[in-house]
Amino acid sequence: MPTADSMKPIRLYLDNCCFNRPFDDQSQLLVRLETEAKLFIQEEIKKGTFELVWSYILELENDVNPNFQRKDNIASWKKRAKVGIEESEPVLLRAENYKRQGLRPKDALHVACAVEAASKYFITTDRGIIKKNFTEIIVCSPIDFLNLYKEIKYE
């Protein structure tokens, strides 16, 4: 019998490269699979299975996207977010720590925002972020997330 906790939506943070995955060249199998996984995740966000986190750094990165179709499509997800994270001292301090661990500045801000929002998962297609070890959050690709979710769902 599901408990109240098991029925709570899982909080997710999708970074900018994840949001852009469907617009990437789909001729590579991995890109197509990640795109399908990301689109499935979006459908589950719409259904309320997952809670989307939005952040100021997502917005800043998306605002400079020169492709208006992509920019508008990604920006439309802000209204579906259940949690919004603005720049704050705790976020900036956490990002500094992640930069010292080798993350690029924007990537560090994304992860810091996700942790600040108490996201359980940080979903990205950036292999450089995926290779890092984090204790506060699970970082994975859209495909890996679906495999993890499948295990959680059917335990």
Protein backbone atom coordinates (compact mmCIF):
# COMPACT_ATOMS: atom_id res chain seq x y z
CA MET A 1 0.00 0.00 0.00
CA PRO A 2 1.54 3.39 -0.99
CA THR A 3 2.28 5.75 1.87
CA ALA A 4 1.69 9.50 1.79
CA ASP A 5 5.45 10.00 1.31
CA SER A 6 5.61 7.61 -1.63
CA MET A 7 2.84 9.56 -3.36
CA LYS A 8 4.57 12.93 -3.05
CA PRO A 9 5.90 14.22 -6.37
CA ILE A 10 9.63 13.79 -6.88
CA ARG A 11 11.38 17.17 -7.12
CA LEU A 12 13.59 17.54 -10.20
CA TYR A 13 15.93 20.12 -11.61
CA LEU A 14 16.60 19.99 -15.35
CA ASP A 15 19.53 22.09 -16.48
CA ASN A 16 19.71 24.12 -19.66
CA CYS A 17 21.45 21.45 -21.73
CA CYS A 18 18.71 19.00 -20.76
CA PHE A 19 16.00 21.44 -21.81
CA ASN A 20 17.81 21.94 -25.12
CA ARG A 21 18.30 18.22 -25.86
CA PRO A 22 15.26 17.90 -28.19
CA PHE A 23 16.74 20.67 -30.36
CA ASP A 24 20.10 18.91 -30.77
CA ASP A 25 21.08 16.85 -33.81
CA GLN A 26 19.02 13.66 -33.44
CA SER A 27 21.17 11.56 -35.80
CA GLN A 28 23.07 10.04 -32.84
CA LEU A 29 21.29 7.28 -30.95
CA LEU A 30 22.25 8.57 -27.49
CA VAL A 31 20.90 12.03 -28.29
CA ARG A 32 17.61 10.54 -29.53
CA LEU A 33 17.27 8.34 -26.44
CA GLU A 34 18.03 11.24 -24.09
CA THR A 35 15.50 13.35 -25.98
CA GLU A 36 12.79 10.69 -25.58
CA ALA A 37 13.59 10.30 -21.90
CA LYS A 38 13.50 14.07 -21.38
CA LEU A 39 10.16 14.35 -23.19
CA PHE A 40 8.75 11.57 -21.00
CA ILE A 41 9.94 13.42 -17.89
CA GLN A 42 8.19 16.57 -19.14
CA GLU A 43 4.93 14.65 -19.60
CA GLU A 44 5.21 13.36 -16.04
CA ILE A 45 5.81 16.92 -14.82
CA LYS A 46 2.56 17.91 -16.52
CA LYS A 47 0.78 15.01 -14.76
CA GLY A 48 2.18 16.01 -11.37
CA THR A 49 4.36 12.93 -10.89
CA PHE A 50 7.41 15.19 -10.72
CA GLU A 51 7.85 18.72 -9.39
CA LEU A 52 9.92 20.99 -11.59
CA VAL A 53 12.35 23.47 -10.08
CA TRP A 54 13.14 26.67 -11.98
CA SER A 55 16.03 29.00 -11.23
CA TYR A 56 17.36 32.41 -12.05
CA ILE A 57 20.39 30.85 -13.77
CA LEU A 58 18.14 28.79 -16.05
CA GLU A 59 16.37 31.98 -16.97
CA LEU A 60 19.59 33.94 -17.51
CA GLU A 61 21.05 31.24 -19.75
CA ASN A 62 17.85 30.83 -21.70
CA ASP A 63 17.43 34.59 -22.17
CA VAL A 64 20.61 34.71 -24.27
CA ASN A 65 19.55 31.83 -26.53
CA PRO A 66 19.64 33.30 -30.05
CA ASN A 67 17.03 30.83 -31.31
CA PHE A 68 13.67 32.36 -30.39
CA GLN A 69 11.73 29.12 -30.91
CA ARG A 70 13.97 27.25 -28.47
CA LYS A 71 14.04 30.16 -26.06
CA ASP A 72 10.24 30.47 -25.97
CA ASN A 73 9.73 26.71 -25.68
CA ILE A 74 12.10 26.44 -22.72
CA ALA A 75 10.78 29.61 -21.05
CA SER A 76 7.26 28.17 -21.13
CA TRP A 77 8.33 25.58 -18.56
CA LYS A 78 8.79 28.25 -15.90
CA LYS A 79 5.03 28.41 -15.35
CA ARG A 80 4.99 24.67 -14.62
CA ALA A 81 7.67 24.95 -11.93
CA LYS A 82 6.51 24.38 -8.38
CA VAL A 83 9.65 25.93 -6.89
CA GLY A 84 11.63 28.95 -8.03
CA ILE A 85 15.13 29.75 -6.82
CA GLU A 86 16.51 33.27 -6.95
CA GLU A 87 20.10 34.37 -6.44
CA SER A 88 20.96 34.38 -2.76
CA GLU A 89 24.01 34.23 -0.54
CA PRO A 90 23.53 30.51 0.27
CA VAL A 91 23.27 29.69 -3.44
CA LEU A 92 26.37 31.72 -4.30
CA LEU A 93 28.40 30.21 -1.45
CA ARG A 94 27.39 26.69 -2.44
CA ALA A 95 28.26 27.45 -6.08
CA GLU A 96 31.72 28.67 -5.01
CA ASN A 97 32.28 25.34 -3.31
CA TYR A 98 31.24 23.44 -6.45
CA LYS A 99 33.56 25.59 -8.56
CA ARG A 100 36.44 24.60 -6.26
CA GLN A 101 35.47 20.99 -7.01
CA GLY A 102 35.95 21.65 -10.72
CA LEU A 103 32.54 22.70 -12.02
CA ARG A 104 32.28 25.57 -14.47
CA PRO A 105 30.64 28.70 -12.95
CA LYS A 106 27.20 28.32 -14.58
CA ASP A 107 27.11 24.59 -13.90
CA ALA A 108 28.00 25.28 -10.27
CA LEU A 109 25.10 27.74 -10.03
CA HIS A 110 22.68 25.21 -11.54
CA VAL A 111 23.67 22.52 -9.05
CA ALA A 112 23.59 25.01 -6.17
CA CYS A 113 20.07 26.09 -7.12
CA ALA A 114 18.91 22.49 -7.34
CA VAL A 115 20.31 21.71 -3.91
CA GLU A 116 18.84 24.93 -2.46
CA ALA A 117 15.43 23.81 -3.76
CA ALA A 118 15.83 20.41 -2.10
CA SER A 119 15.64 18.66 -5.45
CA LYS A 120 16.21 14.95 -5.22
CA TYR A 121 17.59 14.74 -8.78
CA PHE A 122 19.62 17.01 -11.03
CA ILE A 123 19.05 15.91 -14.61
CA THR A 124 21.58 16.89 -17.26
CA THR A 125 23.12 15.70 -20.50
CA ASP A 126 26.46 17.29 -19.58
CA ARG A 127 28.90 14.42 -18.99
CA GLY A 128 31.27 16.73 -17.11
CA ILE A 129 28.64 17.32 -14.41
CA ILE A 130 27.51 13.68 -14.36
CA LYS A 131 31.08 12.51 -13.65
CA LYS A 132 31.32 14.62 -10.49
CA ASN A 133 30.38 13.22 -7.09
CA PHE A 134 27.77 15.03 -5.04
CA THR A 135 26.49 14.08 -1.60
CA GLU A 136 23.49 16.44 -1.54
CA ILE A 137 21.80 15.44 -4.78
CA ILE A 138 21.67 12.65 -7.36
CA VAL A 139 23.06 13.85 -10.70
CA CYS A 140 22.12 11.80 -13.73
CA SER A 141 21.18 11.81 -17.40
CA PRO A 142 17.51 11.66 -18.44
CA ILE A 143 17.97 7.98 -19.33
CA ASP A 144 19.62 7.13 -16.01
CA PHE A 145 16.89 9.01 -14.17
CA LEU A 146 14.20 6.89 -15.80
CA ASN A 147 16.05 3.73 -14.79
CA LEU A 148 16.29 5.03 -11.20
CA TYR A 149 12.63 6.06 -11.23
CA LYS A 150 11.57 2.65 -12.50
CA GLU A 151 13.33 1.04 -9.51
CA ILE A 152 11.67 3.47 -7.07
CA LYS A 153 8.24 3.08 -8.64
CA TYR A 154 8.22 -0.72 -8.56
CA GLU A 155 9.92 -1.35 -5.21
